[in-house]
Amino acid sequence: MTDNSTPNSASVAADPGPPRGTARAVNVRTASSDNRRRWSSRRILVIVTATAFVAVLAWLFRPAAVFGFVAVGPGLVLLPALRGLDWATRAMLAVAVSVAVTAVVSEVLAIAHWWSATGLLLTLAVGCLIAGTRRGGAR
């Protein structure tokens, strides 16, 4: 005689679960805390990755930005009066004047024993700001 009240392992494995369209009971507190925990760890991962990406980009593009400013910035501030020239001539003069101004400022800082790369950039930036505001800026 077989006792049908206790299911055997074959009938448990073949149990399809609740019929379609019916909801299963879920512990809401556990599910929401898991989602919060996953979301916060994803958020932290995204923030750390974005910070690292920005740091790498800043490290890669800082020399280009500094070189671009030193090569063009002082010349563009000092040459707004040359309006009759074409853009190619103004660009070449801006680079030439920028290199000359940077060399003179660098020599003055070196003679005064104050030279440093940061000091040179700061001096050029402040000089460009002062010259640009007094002359009305580059046009």
C-alpha atoms as a PDB file:
ATOM      1  CA  MET A   1       0.000   0.000   0.000  1.00  0.00           C
ATOM      2  CA  THR A   2       1.265   3.457  -0.881  1.00  0.00           C
ATOM      3  CA  ASP A   3       0.777   6.518   1.275  1.00  0.00           C
ATOM      4  CA  ASN A   4      -0.254   9.397  -0.972  1.00  0.00           C
ATOM      5  CA  SER A   5      -0.108  12.052   1.779  1.00  0.00           C
ATOM      6  CA  THR A   6       3.688  12.568   1.572  1.00  0.00           C
ATOM      7  CA  PRO A   7       5.041  13.522  -1.825  1.00  0.00           C
ATOM      8  CA  ASN A   8       8.161  11.788  -3.046  1.00  0.00           C
ATOM      9  CA  SER A   9      11.102  13.576  -4.657  1.00  0.00           C
ATOM     10  CA  ALA A  10       9.866  12.999  -8.211  1.00  0.00           C
ATOM     11  CA  SER A  11       6.553  14.728  -7.590  1.00  0.00           C
ATOM     12  CA  VAL A  12       8.229  17.713  -5.861  1.00  0.00           C
ATOM     13  CA  ALA A  13      10.603  18.282  -8.792  1.00  0.00           C
ATOM     14  CA  ALA A  14       7.741  18.075 -11.265  1.00  0.00           C
ATOM     15  CA  ASP A  15       5.621  20.616  -9.336  1.00  0.00           C
ATOM     16  CA  PRO A  16       5.147  23.552 -11.752  1.00  0.00           C
ATOM     17  CA  GLY A  17       4.397  26.026  -8.952  1.00  0.00           C
ATOM     18  CA  PRO A  18       1.402  28.302  -8.804  1.00  0.00           C
ATOM     19  CA  PRO A  19      -0.817  28.611 -11.866  1.00  0.00           C
ATOM     20  CA  ARG A  20      -0.061  31.368 -14.369  1.00  0.00           C
ATOM     21  CA  GLY A  21      -1.324  34.793 -13.476  1.00  0.00           C
ATOM     22  CA  THR A  22      -1.103  34.347  -9.732  1.00  0.00           C
ATOM     23  CA  ALA A  23       1.508  36.211  -7.759  1.00  0.00           C
ATOM     24  CA  ARG A  24       4.007  34.511  -5.532  1.00  0.00           C
ATOM     25  CA  ALA A  25       4.509  35.751  -2.014  1.00  0.00           C
ATOM     26  CA  VAL A  26       7.753  37.696  -1.764  1.00  0.00           C
ATOM     27  CA  ASN A  27       9.336  39.114   1.334  1.00  0.00           C
ATOM     28  CA  VAL A  28       9.144  42.813   0.420  1.00  0.00           C
ATOM     29  CA  ARG A  29      11.625  43.978   3.036  1.00  0.00           C
ATOM     30  CA  THR A  30      14.347  41.605   1.803  1.00  0.00           C
ATOM     31  CA  ALA A  31      13.791  42.400  -1.886  1.00  0.00           C
ATOM     32  CA  SER A  32      13.860  46.183  -1.398  1.00  0.00           C
ATOM     33  CA  SER A  33      16.967  46.078   0.799  1.00  0.00           C
ATOM     34  CA  ASP A  34      18.729  43.937  -1.819  1.00  0.00           C
ATOM     35  CA  ASN A  35      17.811  46.437  -4.528  1.00  0.00           C
ATOM     36  CA  ARG A  36      18.996  49.328  -2.372  1.00  0.00           C
ATOM     37  CA  ARG A  37      22.235  47.545  -1.623  1.00  0.00           C
ATOM     38  CA  ARG A  38      22.786  46.760  -5.309  1.00  0.00           C
ATOM     39  CA  TRP A  39      21.896  50.313  -6.356  1.00  0.00           C
ATOM     40  CA  SER A  40      24.270  51.890  -3.868  1.00  0.00           C
ATOM     41  CA  SER A  41      27.139  49.631  -4.888  1.00  0.00           C
ATOM     42  CA  ARG A  42      26.419  50.387  -8.563  1.00  0.00           C
ATOM     43  CA  ARG A  43      26.299  54.093  -7.800  1.00  0.00           C
ATOM     44  CA  ILE A  44      29.625  53.911  -5.987  1.00  0.00           C
ATOM     45  CA  LEU A  45      31.137  51.972  -8.879  1.00  0.00           C
ATOM     46  CA  VAL A  46      29.894  54.553 -11.390  1.00  0.00           C
ATOM     47  CA  ILE A  47      31.196  57.462  -9.292  1.00  0.00           C
ATOM     48  CA  VAL A  48      34.626  55.873  -8.828  1.00  0.00           C
ATOM     49  CA  THR A  49      34.871  54.979 -12.515  1.00  0.00           C
ATOM     50  CA  ALA A  50      33.816  58.473 -13.615  1.00  0.00           C
ATOM     51  CA  THR A  51      36.308  60.077 -11.225  1.00  0.00           C
ATOM     52  CA  ALA A  52      39.116  57.894 -12.520  1.00  0.00           C
ATOM     53  CA  PHE A  53      38.129  58.668 -16.115  1.00  0.00           C
ATOM     54  CA  VAL A  54      38.120  62.430 -15.491  1.00  0.00           C
ATOM     55  CA  ALA A  55      41.466  62.206 -13.692  1.00  0.00           C
ATOM     56  CA  VAL A  56      43.009  60.324 -16.610  1.00  0.00           C
ATOM     57  CA  LEU A  57      41.574  62.795 -19.124  1.00  0.00           C
ATOM     58  CA  ALA A  58      42.850  65.742 -17.090  1.00  0.00           C
ATOM     59  CA  TRP A  59      46.245  64.104 -16.881  1.00  0.00           C
ATOM     60  CA  LEU A  60      46.282  63.496 -20.645  1.00  0.00           C
ATOM     61  CA  PHE A  61      44.968  66.874 -21.796  1.00  0.00           C
ATOM     62  CA  ARG A  62      46.610  69.179 -19.260  1.00  0.00           C
ATOM     63  CA  PRO A  63      49.901  69.466 -21.192  1.00  0.00           C
ATOM     64  CA  ALA A  64      48.020  70.243 -24.410  1.00  0.00           C
ATOM     65  CA  ALA A  65      45.884  72.867 -22.684  1.00  0.00           C
ATOM     66  CA  VAL A  66      48.898  74.510 -21.036  1.00  0.00           C
ATOM     67  CA  PHE A  67      50.911  74.458 -24.244  1.00  0.00           C
ATOM     68  CA  GLY A  68      47.971  75.891 -26.186  1.00  0.00           C
ATOM     69  CA  PHE A  69      47.534  78.713 -23.690  1.00  0.00           C
ATOM     70  CA  VAL A  70      51.245  79.566 -23.583  1.00  0.00           C
ATOM     71  CA  ALA A  71      51.532  79.406 -27.390  1.00  0.00           C
ATOM     72  CA  VAL A  72      48.479  81.527 -28.201  1.00  0.00           C
ATOM     73  CA  GLY A  73      47.041  83.270 -25.114  1.00  0.00           C
ATOM     74  CA  PRO A  74      49.345  86.255 -24.582  1.00  0.00           C
ATOM     75  CA  GLY A  75      49.512  86.975 -28.301  1.00  0.00           C
ATOM     76  CA  LEU A  76      45.734  86.986 -28.711  1.00  0.00           C
ATOM     77  CA  VAL A  77      45.414  89.441 -25.852  1.00  0.00           C
ATOM     78  CA  LEU A  78      48.117  91.782 -27.169  1.00  0.00           C
ATOM     79  CA  LEU A  79      47.086  91.791 -30.845  1.00  0.00           C
ATOM     80  CA  PRO A  80      43.457  92.997 -30.992  1.00  0.00           C
ATOM     81  CA  ALA A  81      44.519  96.269 -32.614  1.00  0.00           C
ATOM     82  CA  LEU A  82      45.664  94.510 -35.800  1.00  0.00           C
ATOM     83  CA  ARG A  83      42.295  94.333 -37.520  1.00  0.00           C
ATOM     84  CA  GLY A  84      43.382  94.851 -41.106  1.00  0.00           C
ATOM     85  CA  LEU A  85      45.316  91.577 -41.320  1.00  0.00           C
ATOM     86  CA  ASP A  86      43.924  88.265 -42.483  1.00  0.00           C
ATOM     87  CA  TRP A  87      43.397  85.427 -40.001  1.00  0.00           C
ATOM     88  CA  ALA A  88      46.534  83.469 -41.010  1.00  0.00           C
ATOM     89  CA  THR A  89      48.817  86.451 -40.424  1.00  0.00           C
ATOM     90  CA  ARG A  90      47.135  87.225 -37.104  1.00  0.00           C
ATOM     91  CA  ALA A  91      47.510  83.563 -36.029  1.00  0.00           C
ATOM     92  CA  MET A  92      51.233  83.529 -36.872  1.00  0.00           C
ATOM     93  CA  LEU A  93      51.773  86.841 -35.091  1.00  0.00           C
ATOM     94  CA  ALA A  94      49.796  85.612 -32.073  1.00  0.00           C
ATOM     95  CA  VAL A  95      52.045  82.551 -31.757  1.00  0.00           C
ATOM     96  CA  ALA A  96      55.221  84.592 -32.262  1.00  0.00           C
ATOM     97  CA  VAL A  97      54.198  87.268 -29.751  1.00  0.00           C
ATOM     98  CA  SER A  98      53.082  84.590 -27.256  1.00  0.00           C
ATOM     99  CA  VAL A  99      56.411  82.799 -27.428  1.00  0.00           C
ATOM    100  CA  ALA A 100      58.300  86.102 -27.071  1.00  0.00           C
ATOM    101  CA  VAL A 101      56.198  87.252 -24.088  1.00  0.00           C
ATOM    102  CA  THR A 102      56.551  83.835 -22.430  1.00  0.00           C
ATOM    103  CA  ALA A 103      60.334  83.953 -22.910  1.00  0.00           C
ATOM    104  CA  VAL A 104      60.611  87.441 -21.451  1.00  0.00           C
ATOM    105  CA  VAL A 105      58.411  86.612 -18.447  1.00  0.00           C
ATOM    106  CA  SER A 106      60.341  83.389 -17.886  1.00  0.00           C
ATOM    107  CA  GLU A 107      63.672  85.225 -17.975  1.00  0.00           C
ATOM    108  CA  VAL A 108      62.443  87.869 -15.538  1.00  0.00           C
ATOM    109  CA  LEU A 109      61.231  85.179 -13.121  1.00  0.00           C
ATOM    110  CA  ALA A 110      64.524  83.295 -13.468  1.00  0.00           C
ATOM    111  CA  ILE A 111      66.624  86.397 -12.791  1.00  0.00           C
ATOM    112  CA  ALA A 112      64.495  87.119  -9.713  1.00  0.00           C
ATOM    113  CA  HIS A 113      64.970  83.488  -8.575  1.00  0.00           C
ATOM    114  CA  TRP A 114      61.196  82.971  -8.573  1.00  0.00           C
ATOM    115  CA  TRP A 115      60.919  80.754 -11.633  1.00  0.00           C
ATOM    116  CA  SER A 116      58.648  77.734 -11.547  1.00  0.00           C
ATOM    117  CA  ALA A 117      56.265  76.319 -14.119  1.00  0.00           C
ATOM    118  CA  THR A 118      53.280  77.152 -11.948  1.00  0.00           C
ATOM    119  CA  GLY A 119      54.571  80.649 -11.302  1.00  0.00           C
ATOM    120  CA  LEU A 120      55.109  81.241 -15.011  1.00  0.00           C
ATOM    121  CA  LEU A 121      51.582  80.093 -15.876  1.00  0.00           C
ATOM    122  CA  LEU A 122      50.077  82.122 -13.068  1.00  0.00           C
ATOM    123  CA  THR A 123      51.981  85.232 -14.136  1.00  0.00           C
ATOM    124  CA  LEU A 124      50.922  84.779 -17.771  1.00  0.00           C
ATOM    125  CA  ALA A 125      47.285  84.158 -16.801  1.00  0.00           C
ATOM    126  CA  VAL A 126      47.095  87.203 -14.541  1.00  0.00           C
ATOM    127  CA  GLY A 127      48.854  89.325 -17.168  1.00  0.00           C
ATOM    128  CA  CYS A 128      46.413  88.158 -19.841  1.00  0.00           C
ATOM    129  CA  LEU A 129      43.443  88.913 -17.606  1.00  0.00           C
ATOM    130  CA  ILE A 130      44.718  92.397 -16.777  1.00  0.00           C
ATOM    131  CA  ALA A 131      45.640  93.213 -20.380  1.00  0.00           C
ATOM    132  CA  GLY A 132      42.367  91.798 -21.675  1.00  0.00           C
ATOM    133  CA  THR A 133      40.213  93.808 -19.296  1.00  0.00           C
ATOM    134  CA  ARG A 134      42.107  97.060 -19.850  1.00  0.00           C
ATOM    135  CA  ARG A 135      42.004  96.839 -23.641  1.00  0.00           C
ATOM    136  CA  GLY A 136      38.485  95.496 -23.903  1.00  0.00           C
ATOM    137  CA  GLY A 137      39.521  91.886 -24.525  1.00  0.00           C
ATOM    138  CA  ALA A 138      40.434  89.985 -27.653  1.00  0.00           C
ATOM    139  CA  ARG A 139      38.044  90.399 -30.582  1.00  0.00           C
END
